[in-house]
Structure formats: structure tokens, C-alpha cells
Amino acid sequence: MKIAGIAAALGLAAATALTGTAPLSAQAPAGSEAPGELKLWRLNCGEMHGLPLDIFSDTLDFAGETGKLVVSCYLIKHGESYMLWDTGLGTELIGTPPEEQGGQLVEMSIADQLAELGLSPADVDLVGISHWHGDHVGQAADFPSAKLLIGAEDLATIRDPGDNPMVESQRFAPWLDPASNAEGVVGDKDVFGDGSVVMLDMPGHTHGHHALLVRLPGKAPLLLSGDEFHFQGQMEVNGVPTFNADRADTLASHDRFRRVAENLGATIIIQHEPGDVGKLPAFPEAAE
């Protein structure tokens, strides 16, 4: 084997050993088939009002500032399969003013939004969760027949939260049993095996945090942030939230997120940024 071939083989082996997956490619995997119909909808999964923005930077970039964040979820149609990415705030907030719920607001459930597309929770095959925080998991249990995809470290936290009062394990009732239909994702995960939808390992916010890359045909890729960044201003200063699990991992993931976006020419969608809602068609229209 020539030196270049040996180096390539060693690089692939090392990457697979470290992440549990093959390295992310700029193109779909060789020999993979086109996914057929691929669409993405942005779902309204709530709002958070009056947030103290200083919690999103441990270098005091937003001291004394407050703001509003949106809570976005996404439905992806891949051929005949449907995947839900994040599940927002809980439906118990519907009909209650935000001032009575710590600034949180939910106007419509995911299930009711799916109904506008002629779908039901039973039509959702996969529920992908970026991380275990409450504003991303609130309606997960409404999809009990789906397979759960979440970072392995976060799945372990959900199943054994210890004395952490912030972990809402009940939101994952269908998957708490180790024998249930749940996968703890290690490293990156090519969800459908064709490079069209890839969970990207971005630890730091939580130990198992992931972002999501979606390659719609004929368009620039979409890079959904999870909570890698929460709003544009935080991204501009490379802010590390005070409540993140690991500062060094966060900064490394910030760098990876930016470089993936740059190298793929991807459109960044910060899931909590109100200004990014308009980057996608308004529901019930889909990006395709």
C-alpha cells in the first residue's frame, strides 16, 4: 500500500475509534442513494420572555440585559420516514400567560401542528434530541412509538439523574427502560445512512449535546444549532453560558460548529434566535 493510502487508512481507523463513527464528509457517502423526498418544517415550540442574557456568557458580555428567545423544533421528511428534532416546552404551558410561568409560553402543541400537515404522533419514526434541557424535551413523551436518538451521555443522565433537580426524566418515560427503543449516540450519527441528516457531536453545553446538519437537495446545507449558541449576539462574542457542563469542550465545539458551517457553506439556524425564524419558510410551508 502506498504511503498516502496507509495514512488515509490510519486516519479513518483513528477517527472511528475516537468517535464511534466515520468522519463527517463534505459529500454524501460513496455509493449512497438519493434520499427521495427531503423536506424540513420549522415548528413553533414556545417562547421564553424576560431571560437574563448574562447567563449566556461567563465573561460578562451581557450584564444587566434581558431578552426574548424562541423555542424551535423541526420536522424532517426523509422519503417515507419522519424525524422530529427537539420537542420544545411542555404542553402544560398552553393557555397560561408567560408571566405566570417564569416567562415561558406555548401556544400550540407539536401534535396539533402535525395535524395541520395531515400527520399524527404515530407517523413520527424518530425523535432526535439535541440535549436533555427542559426547553428541548417537553413534548418528547407524546411520541412513544418513535425511536429516540440522543447523545449517550445525556441518555445516561436522563436514566440516572442522581440529585440533579433540573433533569426531567418523566419527559422520557417511553425510553427509560434500557430495553426500550432508544439509542445513545456516540460521536456523529448519519441518521439515514446517506449523509442527508447528520447529528454532529458538539459536547460542552451538556456532555452529550449535538447539533444537526440537514442537506436539502439543490440548496445550501442547514446547520441547526441545538444550544451550541442561543442568539446571534452570543455567537458574535463566542459566549460560554455559565451553566454549561464543560467550558473547554464548549469552546472546542464552538470552533467545530463555525468551521463546519464555513466549509460546507451552510446556513446557520440558531434555534432560539428570533431573527433566524425567517430563514425558513413559515409553517405550514416546508423548506425543500
C-alpha atoms as a PDB file:
ATOM      1  CA  MET A   1       0.000   0.000   0.000  1.00  0.00           C
ATOM      2  CA  LYS A   2       1.360   3.445  -0.874  1.00  0.00           C
ATOM      3  CA  ILE A   3       2.161   5.906   1.917  1.00  0.00           C
ATOM      4  CA  ALA A   4      -0.866   8.089   1.121  1.00  0.00           C
ATOM      5  CA  GLY A   5      -3.133   5.067   1.248  1.00  0.00           C
ATOM      6  CA  ILE A   6      -1.680   3.946   4.572  1.00  0.00           C
ATOM      7  CA  ALA A   7      -2.119   7.429   6.023  1.00  0.00           C
ATOM      8  CA  ALA A   8      -5.720   7.570   4.852  1.00  0.00           C
ATOM      9  CA  ALA A   9      -6.477   4.163   6.326  1.00  0.00           C
ATOM     10  CA  LEU A  10      -4.849   5.054   9.635  1.00  0.00           C
ATOM     11  CA  GLY A  11      -6.746   8.357   9.751  1.00  0.00           C
ATOM     12  CA  LEU A  12     -10.061   6.629   9.151  1.00  0.00           C
ATOM     13  CA  ALA A  13      -9.323   3.990  11.779  1.00  0.00           C
ATOM     14  CA  ALA A  14      -8.304   6.590  14.348  1.00  0.00           C
ATOM     15  CA  ALA A  15     -11.380   8.729  13.745  1.00  0.00           C
ATOM     16  CA  THR A  16     -13.666   5.720  14.009  1.00  0.00           C
ATOM     17  CA  ALA A  17     -12.021   4.577  17.224  1.00  0.00           C
ATOM     18  CA  LEU A  18     -12.348   8.005  18.821  1.00  0.00           C
ATOM     19  CA  THR A  19     -15.933   8.833  17.821  1.00  0.00           C
ATOM     20  CA  GLY A  20     -17.572   5.501  17.096  1.00  0.00           C
ATOM     21  CA  THR A  21     -18.437   6.777  13.596  1.00  0.00           C
ATOM     22  CA  ALA A  22     -16.735   7.513  10.327  1.00  0.00           C
ATOM     23  CA  PRO A  23     -15.595  11.136   9.922  1.00  0.00           C
ATOM     24  CA  LEU A  24     -18.051  13.731   8.622  1.00  0.00           C
ATOM     25  CA  SER A  25     -17.758  14.145   4.861  1.00  0.00           C
ATOM     26  CA  ALA A  26     -18.417  17.225   2.750  1.00  0.00           C
ATOM     27  CA  GLN A  27     -20.372  14.963   0.412  1.00  0.00           C
ATOM     28  CA  ALA A  28     -22.802  12.098   0.842  1.00  0.00           C
ATOM     29  CA  PRO A  29     -21.112   8.728   1.487  1.00  0.00           C
ATOM     30  CA  ALA A  30     -19.829   6.976  -1.620  1.00  0.00           C
ATOM     31  CA  GLY A  31     -22.382   4.585  -3.038  1.00  0.00           C
ATOM     32  CA  SER A  32     -25.286   6.070  -1.075  1.00  0.00           C
ATOM     33  CA  GLU A  33     -28.589   6.568  -2.835  1.00  0.00           C
ATOM     34  CA  ALA A  34     -30.518   9.816  -3.036  1.00  0.00           C
ATOM     35  CA  PRO A  35     -32.958  10.022  -0.124  1.00  0.00           C
ATOM     36  CA  GLY A  36     -36.021  10.664  -2.273  1.00  0.00           C
ATOM     37  CA  GLU A  37     -38.241  13.409  -0.922  1.00  0.00           C
ATOM     38  CA  LEU A  38     -36.486  15.524   1.707  1.00  0.00           C
ATOM     39  CA  LYS A  39     -38.311  18.379   3.449  1.00  0.00           C
ATOM     40  CA  LEU A  40     -37.945  20.362   6.663  1.00  0.00           C
ATOM     41  CA  TRP A  41     -40.563  22.324   8.600  1.00  0.00           C
ATOM     42  CA  ARG A  42     -39.902  24.734  11.451  1.00  0.00           C
ATOM     43  CA  LEU A  43     -42.395  24.164  14.293  1.00  0.00           C
ATOM     44  CA  ASN A  44     -43.253  26.723  16.965  1.00  0.00           C
ATOM     45  CA  CYS A  45     -42.490  25.028  20.274  1.00  0.00           C
ATOM     46  CA  GLY A  46     -42.708  28.041  22.560  1.00  0.00           C
ATOM     47  CA  GLU A  47     -41.128  31.285  23.651  1.00  0.00           C
ATOM     48  CA  MET A  48     -39.113  32.427  26.667  1.00  0.00           C
ATOM     49  CA  HIS A  49     -39.585  36.043  27.749  1.00  0.00           C
ATOM     50  CA  GLY A  50     -37.504  38.262  30.027  1.00  0.00           C
ATOM     51  CA  LEU A  51     -34.470  35.988  30.133  1.00  0.00           C
ATOM     52  CA  PRO A  52     -31.365  37.379  31.882  1.00  0.00           C
ATOM     53  CA  LEU A  53     -28.902  37.285  29.000  1.00  0.00           C
ATOM     54  CA  ASP A  54     -25.885  37.445  31.287  1.00  0.00           C
ATOM     55  CA  ILE A  55     -26.227  33.688  31.885  1.00  0.00           C
ATOM     56  CA  PHE A  56     -25.182  33.085  28.270  1.00  0.00           C
ATOM     57  CA  SER A  57     -21.650  34.443  28.688  1.00  0.00           C
ATOM     58  CA  ASP A  58     -19.306  33.771  31.588  1.00  0.00           C
ATOM     59  CA  THR A  59     -17.192  36.763  30.506  1.00  0.00           C
ATOM     60  CA  LEU A  60     -19.940  39.267  31.409  1.00  0.00           C
ATOM     61  CA  ASP A  61     -20.770  40.316  27.842  1.00  0.00           C
ATOM     62  CA  PHE A  62     -24.488  40.817  28.568  1.00  0.00           C
ATOM     63  CA  ALA A  63     -24.522  42.015  32.187  1.00  0.00           C
ATOM     64  CA  GLY A  64     -27.895  43.503  33.097  1.00  0.00           C
ATOM     65  CA  GLU A  65     -29.527  42.684  29.734  1.00  0.00           C
ATOM     66  CA  THR A  66     -32.732  40.721  29.262  1.00  0.00           C
ATOM     67  CA  GLY A  67     -34.314  39.366  26.099  1.00  0.00           C
ATOM     68  CA  LYS A  68     -36.748  37.018  24.413  1.00  0.00           C
ATOM     69  CA  LEU A  69     -35.804  33.697  22.844  1.00  0.00           C
ATOM     70  CA  VAL A  70     -37.933  31.462  20.662  1.00  0.00           C
ATOM     71  CA  VAL A  71     -38.137  27.700  21.090  1.00  0.00           C
ATOM     72  CA  SER A  72     -37.922  25.974  17.713  1.00  0.00           C
ATOM     73  CA  CYS A  73     -38.441  22.344  16.770  1.00  0.00           C
ATOM     74  CA  TYR A  74     -38.104  20.814  13.324  1.00  0.00           C
ATOM     75  CA  LEU A  75     -39.894  18.091  11.385  1.00  0.00           C
ATOM     76  CA  ILE A  76     -37.887  16.345   8.672  1.00  0.00           C
ATOM     77  CA  LYS A  77     -39.414  14.146   5.981  1.00  0.00           C
ATOM     78  CA  HIS A  78     -36.933  11.695   4.515  1.00  0.00           C
ATOM     79  CA  GLY A  79     -38.575   9.524   1.894  1.00  0.00           C
ATOM     80  CA  GLU A  80     -41.422   7.851   3.778  1.00  0.00           C
ATOM     81  CA  SER A  81     -39.912   8.492   7.217  1.00  0.00           C
ATOM     82  CA  TYR A  82     -40.434  11.417   9.582  1.00  0.00           C
ATOM     83  CA  MET A  83     -37.940  12.681  12.148  1.00  0.00           C
ATOM     84  CA  LEU A  84     -38.640  15.260  14.841  1.00  0.00           C
ATOM     85  CA  TRP A  85     -35.663  17.318  16.043  1.00  0.00           C
ATOM     86  CA  ASP A  86     -36.194  18.594  19.605  1.00  0.00           C
ATOM     87  CA  THR A  87     -39.598  18.777  21.276  1.00  0.00           C
ATOM     88  CA  GLY A  88     -39.705  22.195  22.927  1.00  0.00           C
ATOM     89  CA  LEU A  89     -41.518  23.249  26.072  1.00  0.00           C
ATOM     90  CA  GLY A  90     -44.269  21.165  27.637  1.00  0.00           C
ATOM     91  CA  THR A  91     -47.934  21.426  26.628  1.00  0.00           C
ATOM     92  CA  GLU A  92     -48.923  22.133  30.245  1.00  0.00           C
ATOM     93  CA  LEU A  93     -47.979  25.751  29.463  1.00  0.00           C
ATOM     94  CA  ILE A  94     -50.673  26.136  26.782  1.00  0.00           C
ATOM     95  CA  GLY A  95     -53.239  28.761  27.720  1.00  0.00           C
ATOM     96  CA  THR A  96     -51.188  30.204  30.560  1.00  0.00           C
ATOM     97  CA  PRO A  97     -49.705  33.728  30.334  1.00  0.00           C
ATOM     98  CA  PRO A  98     -45.895  33.756  30.356  1.00  0.00           C
ATOM     99  CA  GLU A  99     -45.774  35.951  33.462  1.00  0.00           C
ATOM    100  CA  GLU A 100     -47.352  33.061  35.372  1.00  0.00           C
ATOM    101  CA  GLN A 101     -44.830  30.514  34.076  1.00  0.00           C
ATOM    102  CA  GLY A 102     -41.467  32.174  34.555  1.00  0.00           C
ATOM    103  CA  GLY A 103     -41.677  33.852  31.170  1.00  0.00           C
ATOM    104  CA  GLN A 104     -42.440  30.649  29.241  1.00  0.00           C
ATOM    105  CA  LEU A 105     -45.186  30.488  26.618  1.00  0.00           C
ATOM    106  CA  VAL A 106     -46.581  27.685  24.449  1.00  0.00           C
ATOM    107  CA  GLU A 107     -49.432  28.415  22.037  1.00  0.00           C
ATOM    108  CA  MET A 108     -49.876  25.086  20.212  1.00  0.00           C
ATOM    109  CA  SER A 109     -48.674  21.524  20.716  1.00  0.00           C
ATOM    110  CA  ILE A 110     -46.445  19.735  18.241  1.00  0.00           C
ATOM    111  CA  ALA A 111     -49.227  17.174  17.748  1.00  0.00           C
ATOM    112  CA  ASP A 112     -51.669  19.910  16.697  1.00  0.00           C
ATOM    113  CA  GLN A 113     -49.126  21.353  14.265  1.00  0.00           C
ATOM    114  CA  LEU A 114     -48.576  17.895  12.785  1.00  0.00           C
ATOM    115  CA  ALA A 115     -52.340  17.581  12.342  1.00  0.00           C
ATOM    116  CA  GLU A 116     -52.234  20.611  10.038  1.00  0.00           C
ATOM    117  CA  LEU A 117     -49.955  18.518   7.804  1.00  0.00           C
ATOM    118  CA  GLY A 118     -52.280  15.517   7.997  1.00  0.00           C
ATOM    119  CA  LEU A 119     -49.962  13.685  10.397  1.00  0.00           C
ATOM    120  CA  SER A 120     -50.234  12.253  13.902  1.00  0.00           C
ATOM    121  CA  PRO A 121     -47.595  11.439  16.548  1.00  0.00           C
ATOM    122  CA  ALA A 122     -47.710   7.817  15.370  1.00  0.00           C
ATOM    123  CA  ASP A 123     -46.324   8.938  11.997  1.00  0.00           C
ATOM    124  CA  VAL A 124     -43.076  10.136  13.612  1.00  0.00           C
ATOM    125  CA  ASP A 125     -40.447   7.409  13.319  1.00  0.00           C
ATOM    126  CA  LEU A 126     -37.520   9.152  15.023  1.00  0.00           C
ATOM    127  CA  VAL A 127     -37.255  11.717  17.803  1.00  0.00           C
ATOM    128  CA  GLY A 128     -33.818  13.322  17.843  1.00  0.00           C
ATOM    129  CA  ILE A 129     -32.987  15.408  20.926  1.00  0.00           C
ATOM    130  CA  SER A 130     -30.063  17.830  20.914  1.00  0.00           C
ATOM    131  CA  HIS A 131     -29.660  17.595  24.722  1.00  0.00           C
ATOM    132  CA  TRP A 132     -31.603  16.954  27.916  1.00  0.00           C
ATOM    133  CA  HIS A 133     -32.519  20.534  28.954  1.00  0.00           C
ATOM    134  CA  GLY A 134     -36.217  21.134  29.603  1.00  0.00           C
ATOM    135  CA  ASP A 135     -36.930  23.510  26.722  1.00  0.00           C
ATOM    136  CA  HIS A 136     -35.871  20.815  24.244  1.00  0.00           C
ATOM    137  CA  VAL A 137     -37.609  17.776  25.728  1.00  0.00           C
ATOM    138  CA  GLY A 138     -41.017  19.000  26.887  1.00  0.00           C
ATOM    139  CA  GLN A 139     -43.172  17.032  24.437  1.00  0.00           C
ATOM    140  CA  ALA A 140     -40.927  14.013  23.799  1.00  0.00           C
ATOM    141  CA  ALA A 141     -43.221  11.555  25.588  1.00  0.00           C
ATOM    142  CA  ASP A 142     -46.032  12.416  23.147  1.00  0.00           C
ATOM    143  CA  PHE A 143     -44.207  10.222  20.607  1.00  0.00           C
ATOM    144  CA  PRO A 144     -43.922   6.876  22.422  1.00  0.00           C
ATOM    145  CA  SER A 145     -43.749   4.741  19.288  1.00  0.00           C
ATOM    146  CA  ALA A 146     -40.732   6.603  17.888  1.00  0.00           C
ATOM    147  CA  LYS A 147     -37.095   5.641  18.287  1.00  0.00           C
ATOM    148  CA  LEU A 148     -35.189   8.112  20.461  1.00  0.00           C
ATOM    149  CA  LEU A 149     -31.796   9.426  19.335  1.00  0.00           C
ATOM    150  CA  ILE A 150     -29.839  11.430  21.917  1.00  0.00           C
ATOM    151  CA  GLY A 151     -26.215  11.703  22.992  1.00  0.00           C
ATOM    152  CA  ALA A 152     -25.117   8.691  25.031  1.00  0.00           C
ATOM    153  CA  GLU A 153     -24.007  10.821  27.987  1.00  0.00           C
ATOM    154  CA  ASP A 154     -27.349  12.648  28.024  1.00  0.00           C
ATOM    155  CA  LEU A 155     -29.298   9.382  27.839  1.00  0.00           C
ATOM    156  CA  ALA A 156     -27.336   8.136  30.849  1.00  0.00           C
ATOM    157  CA  THR A 157     -28.157  11.365  32.711  1.00  0.00           C
ATOM    158  CA  ILE A 158     -31.872  11.017  31.934  1.00  0.00           C
ATOM    159  CA  ARG A 159     -31.949   7.435  33.167  1.00  0.00           C
ATOM    160  CA  ASP A 160     -29.902   8.163  36.277  1.00  0.00           C
ATOM    161  CA  PRO A 161     -30.144  11.880  37.168  1.00  0.00           C
ATOM    162  CA  GLY A 162     -28.812  11.435  40.690  1.00  0.00           C
ATOM    163  CA  ASP A 163     -29.638  14.526  42.732  1.00  0.00           C
ATOM    164  CA  ASN A 164     -29.866  16.885  39.735  1.00  0.00           C
ATOM    165  CA  PRO A 165     -33.285  18.606  40.082  1.00  0.00           C
ATOM    166  CA  MET A 166     -33.119  20.049  36.556  1.00  0.00           C
ATOM    167  CA  VAL A 167     -33.333  16.675  34.787  1.00  0.00           C
ATOM    168  CA  GLU A 168     -36.945  15.936  33.779  1.00  0.00           C
ATOM    169  CA  SER A 169     -36.720  12.192  33.357  1.00  0.00           C
ATOM    170  CA  GLN A 170     -40.505  11.850  33.164  1.00  0.00           C
ATOM    171  CA  ARG A 171     -40.389  13.557  29.771  1.00  0.00           C
ATOM    172  CA  PHE A 172     -38.628  10.407  28.536  1.00  0.00           C
ATOM    173  CA  ALA A 173     -40.984   7.846  30.054  1.00  0.00           C
ATOM    174  CA  PRO A 174     -41.164   5.683  26.871  1.00  0.00           C
ATOM    175  CA  TRP A 175     -37.373   5.227  26.856  1.00  0.00           C
ATOM    176  CA  LEU A 176     -36.274   4.972  30.479  1.00  0.00           C
ATOM    177  CA  ASP A 177     -36.103   1.181  30.311  1.00  0.00           C
ATOM    178  CA  PRO A 178     -32.696   0.133  28.895  1.00  0.00           C
ATOM    179  CA  ALA A 179     -34.587  -2.362  26.699  1.00  0.00           C
ATOM    180  CA  SER A 180     -36.637   0.422  25.080  1.00  0.00           C
ATOM    181  CA  ASN A 181     -36.259   1.821  21.562  1.00  0.00           C
ATOM    182  CA  ALA A 182     -33.581   4.402  22.372  1.00  0.00           C
ATOM    183  CA  GLU A 183     -30.069   4.912  21.058  1.00  0.00           C
ATOM    184  CA  GLY A 184     -27.373   6.742  22.956  1.00  0.00           C
ATOM    185  CA  VAL A 185     -25.453   8.387  20.132  1.00  0.00           C
ATOM    186  CA  VAL A 186     -21.654   8.358  20.388  1.00  0.00           C
ATOM    187  CA  GLY A 187     -19.867  10.854  18.158  1.00  0.00           C
ATOM    188  CA  ASP A 188     -21.563  11.872  14.912  1.00  0.00           C
ATOM    189  CA  LYS A 189     -24.506   9.900  13.546  1.00  0.00           C
ATOM    190  CA  ASP A 190     -25.573   9.729   9.903  1.00  0.00           C
ATOM    191  CA  VAL A 191     -29.243   9.219  10.715  1.00  0.00           C
ATOM    192  CA  PHE A 192     -30.418   7.731   7.404  1.00  0.00           C
ATOM    193  CA  GLY A 193     -27.061   6.498   6.099  1.00  0.00           C
ATOM    194  CA  ASP A 194     -26.980   8.800   3.069  1.00  0.00           C
ATOM    195  CA  GLY A 195     -25.407  11.955   4.511  1.00  0.00           C
ATOM    196  CA  SER A 196     -28.632  13.969   4.285  1.00  0.00           C
ATOM    197  CA  VAL A 197     -29.263  14.258   8.037  1.00  0.00           C
ATOM    198  CA  VAL A 198     -26.312  14.049  10.435  1.00  0.00           C
ATOM    199  CA  MET A 199     -26.214  14.536  14.198  1.00  0.00           C
ATOM    200  CA  LEU A 200     -22.952  16.358  14.943  1.00  0.00           C
ATOM    201  CA  ASP A 201     -21.170  15.728  18.230  1.00  0.00           C
ATOM    202  CA  MET A 202     -20.862  19.104  19.990  1.00  0.00           C
ATOM    203  CA  PRO A 203     -20.246  18.443  23.709  1.00  0.00           C
ATOM    204  CA  GLY A 204     -19.912  21.216  26.243  1.00  0.00           C
ATOM    205  CA  HIS A 205     -23.407  22.608  26.727  1.00  0.00           C
ATOM    206  CA  THR A 206     -24.165  19.150  28.063  1.00  0.00           C
ATOM    207  CA  HIS A 207     -21.811  16.221  27.805  1.00  0.00           C
ATOM    208  CA  GLY A 208     -23.921  14.600  25.070  1.00  0.00           C
ATOM    209  CA  HIS A 209     -25.004  17.728  23.179  1.00  0.00           C
ATOM    210  CA  HIS A 210     -25.461  17.506  19.389  1.00  0.00           C
ATOM    211  CA  ALA A 211     -26.232  19.895  16.535  1.00  0.00           C
ATOM    212  CA  LEU A 212     -27.955  18.748  13.332  1.00  0.00           C
ATOM    213  CA  LEU A 213     -26.804  19.048   9.718  1.00  0.00           C
ATOM    214  CA  VAL A 214     -29.533  18.786   7.059  1.00  0.00           C
ATOM    215  CA  ARG A 215     -28.627  18.699   3.373  1.00  0.00           C
ATOM    216  CA  LEU A 216     -31.661  19.635   1.289  1.00  0.00           C
ATOM    217  CA  PRO A 217     -31.153  18.856  -2.419  1.00  0.00           C
ATOM    218  CA  GLY A 218     -30.103  21.812  -4.526  1.00  0.00           C
ATOM    219  CA  LYS A 219     -29.736  24.166  -1.542  1.00  0.00           C
ATOM    220  CA  ALA A 220     -27.044  25.186   0.900  1.00  0.00           C
ATOM    221  CA  PRO A 221     -26.941  22.796   3.874  1.00  0.00           C
ATOM    222  CA  LEU A 222     -28.769  23.825   7.044  1.00  0.00           C
ATOM    223  CA  LEU A 223     -26.926  23.670  10.360  1.00  0.00           C
ATOM    224  CA  LEU A 224     -29.352  23.574  13.310  1.00  0.00           C
ATOM    225  CA  SER A 225     -27.599  24.718  16.458  1.00  0.00           C
ATOM    226  CA  GLY A 226     -29.231  22.778  19.258  1.00  0.00           C
ATOM    227  CA  ASP A 227     -27.926  25.028  22.023  1.00  0.00           C
ATOM    228  CA  GLU A 228     -24.401  25.475  20.666  1.00  0.00           C
ATOM    229  CA  PHE A 229     -25.408  29.129  20.541  1.00  0.00           C
ATOM    230  CA  HIS A 230     -28.644  30.678  21.828  1.00  0.00           C
ATOM    231  CA  PHE A 231     -28.754  34.000  19.954  1.00  0.00           C
ATOM    232  CA  GLN A 232     -26.718  35.959  17.423  1.00  0.00           C
ATOM    233  CA  GLY A 233     -25.047  38.252  19.937  1.00  0.00           C
ATOM    234  CA  GLN A 234     -23.759  35.299  21.926  1.00  0.00           C
ATOM    235  CA  MET A 235     -22.325  33.761  18.778  1.00  0.00           C
ATOM    236  CA  GLU A 236     -20.584  37.016  17.891  1.00  0.00           C
ATOM    237  CA  VAL A 237     -18.700  37.086  21.214  1.00  0.00           C
ATOM    238  CA  ASN A 238     -18.218  33.293  21.383  1.00  0.00           C
ATOM    239  CA  GLY A 239     -20.028  33.313  24.713  1.00  0.00           C
ATOM    240  CA  VAL A 240     -19.912  30.325  27.053  1.00  0.00           C
ATOM    241  CA  PRO A 241     -23.063  30.036  29.184  1.00  0.00           C
ATOM    242  CA  THR A 242     -22.443  29.977  32.919  1.00  0.00           C
ATOM    243  CA  PHE A 243     -24.449  26.754  33.249  1.00  0.00           C
ATOM    244  CA  ASN A 244     -22.631  24.720  30.590  1.00  0.00           C
ATOM    245  CA  ALA A 245     -21.209  21.347  31.563  1.00  0.00           C
ATOM    246  CA  ASP A 246     -17.643  21.936  30.341  1.00  0.00           C
ATOM    247  CA  ARG A 247     -16.039  25.200  29.254  1.00  0.00           C
ATOM    248  CA  ALA A 248     -13.174  23.724  27.250  1.00  0.00           C
ATOM    249  CA  ASP A 249     -15.495  21.347  25.405  1.00  0.00           C
ATOM    250  CA  THR A 250     -17.851  24.245  24.698  1.00  0.00           C
ATOM    251  CA  LEU A 251     -15.126  26.337  23.084  1.00  0.00           C
ATOM    252  CA  ALA A 252     -13.939  23.378  21.018  1.00  0.00           C
ATOM    253  CA  SER A 253     -17.500  22.752  19.850  1.00  0.00           C
ATOM    254  CA  HIS A 254     -17.989  26.454  19.072  1.00  0.00           C
ATOM    255  CA  ASP A 255     -14.969  26.197  16.809  1.00  0.00           C
ATOM    256  CA  ARG A 256     -16.160  22.997  15.149  1.00  0.00           C
ATOM    257  CA  PHE A 257     -19.655  24.423  14.582  1.00  0.00           C
ATOM    258  CA  ARG A 258     -18.284  27.541  12.877  1.00  0.00           C
ATOM    259  CA  ARG A 259     -15.806  25.642  10.729  1.00  0.00           C
ATOM    260  CA  VAL A 260     -18.342  23.054   9.583  1.00  0.00           C
ATOM    261  CA  ALA A 261     -20.676  25.889   8.585  1.00  0.00           C
ATOM    262  CA  GLU A 262     -17.883  27.705   6.731  1.00  0.00           C
ATOM    263  CA  ASN A 263     -16.515  24.637   4.960  1.00  0.00           C
ATOM    264  CA  LEU A 264     -19.949  23.453   3.799  1.00  0.00           C
ATOM    265  CA  GLY A 265     -21.301  26.924   3.041  1.00  0.00           C
ATOM    266  CA  ALA A 266     -24.146  26.078   5.428  1.00  0.00           C
ATOM    267  CA  THR A 267     -26.948  28.344   6.559  1.00  0.00           C
ATOM    268  CA  ILE A 268     -26.758  28.552  10.357  1.00  0.00           C
ATOM    269  CA  ILE A 269     -30.088  28.321  12.153  1.00  0.00           C
ATOM    270  CA  ILE A 270     -29.744  29.297  15.820  1.00  0.00           C
ATOM    271  CA  GLN A 271     -32.750  27.511  17.249  1.00  0.00           C
ATOM    272  CA  HIS A 272     -33.517  30.112  19.939  1.00  0.00           C
ATOM    273  CA  GLU A 273     -32.760  33.212  17.820  1.00  0.00           C
ATOM    274  CA  PRO A 274     -35.947  35.112  16.848  1.00  0.00           C
ATOM    275  CA  GLY A 275     -34.134  36.583  13.843  1.00  0.00           C
ATOM    276  CA  ASP A 276     -33.401  33.124  12.420  1.00  0.00           C
ATOM    277  CA  VAL A 277     -37.053  32.048  12.236  1.00  0.00           C
ATOM    278  CA  GLY A 278     -37.362  33.898   8.935  1.00  0.00           C
ATOM    279  CA  LYS A 279     -34.526  31.928   7.365  1.00  0.00           C
ATOM    280  CA  LEU A 280     -37.004  29.091   6.817  1.00  0.00           C
ATOM    281  CA  PRO A 281     -40.473  29.148   5.226  1.00  0.00           C
ATOM    282  CA  ALA A 282     -43.327  29.960   7.598  1.00  0.00           C
ATOM    283  CA  PHE A 283     -45.300  26.915   8.740  1.00  0.00           C
ATOM    284  CA  PRO A 284     -47.049  25.049   7.161  1.00  0.00           C
ATOM    285  CA  GLU A 285     -44.704  25.657   4.226  1.00  0.00           C
ATOM    286  CA  ALA A 286     -41.583  23.480   4.116  1.00  0.00           C
ATOM    287  CA  ALA A 287     -38.002  24.026   3.063  1.00  0.00           C
ATOM    288  CA  GLU A 288     -37.191  21.536   0.309  1.00  0.00           C
END
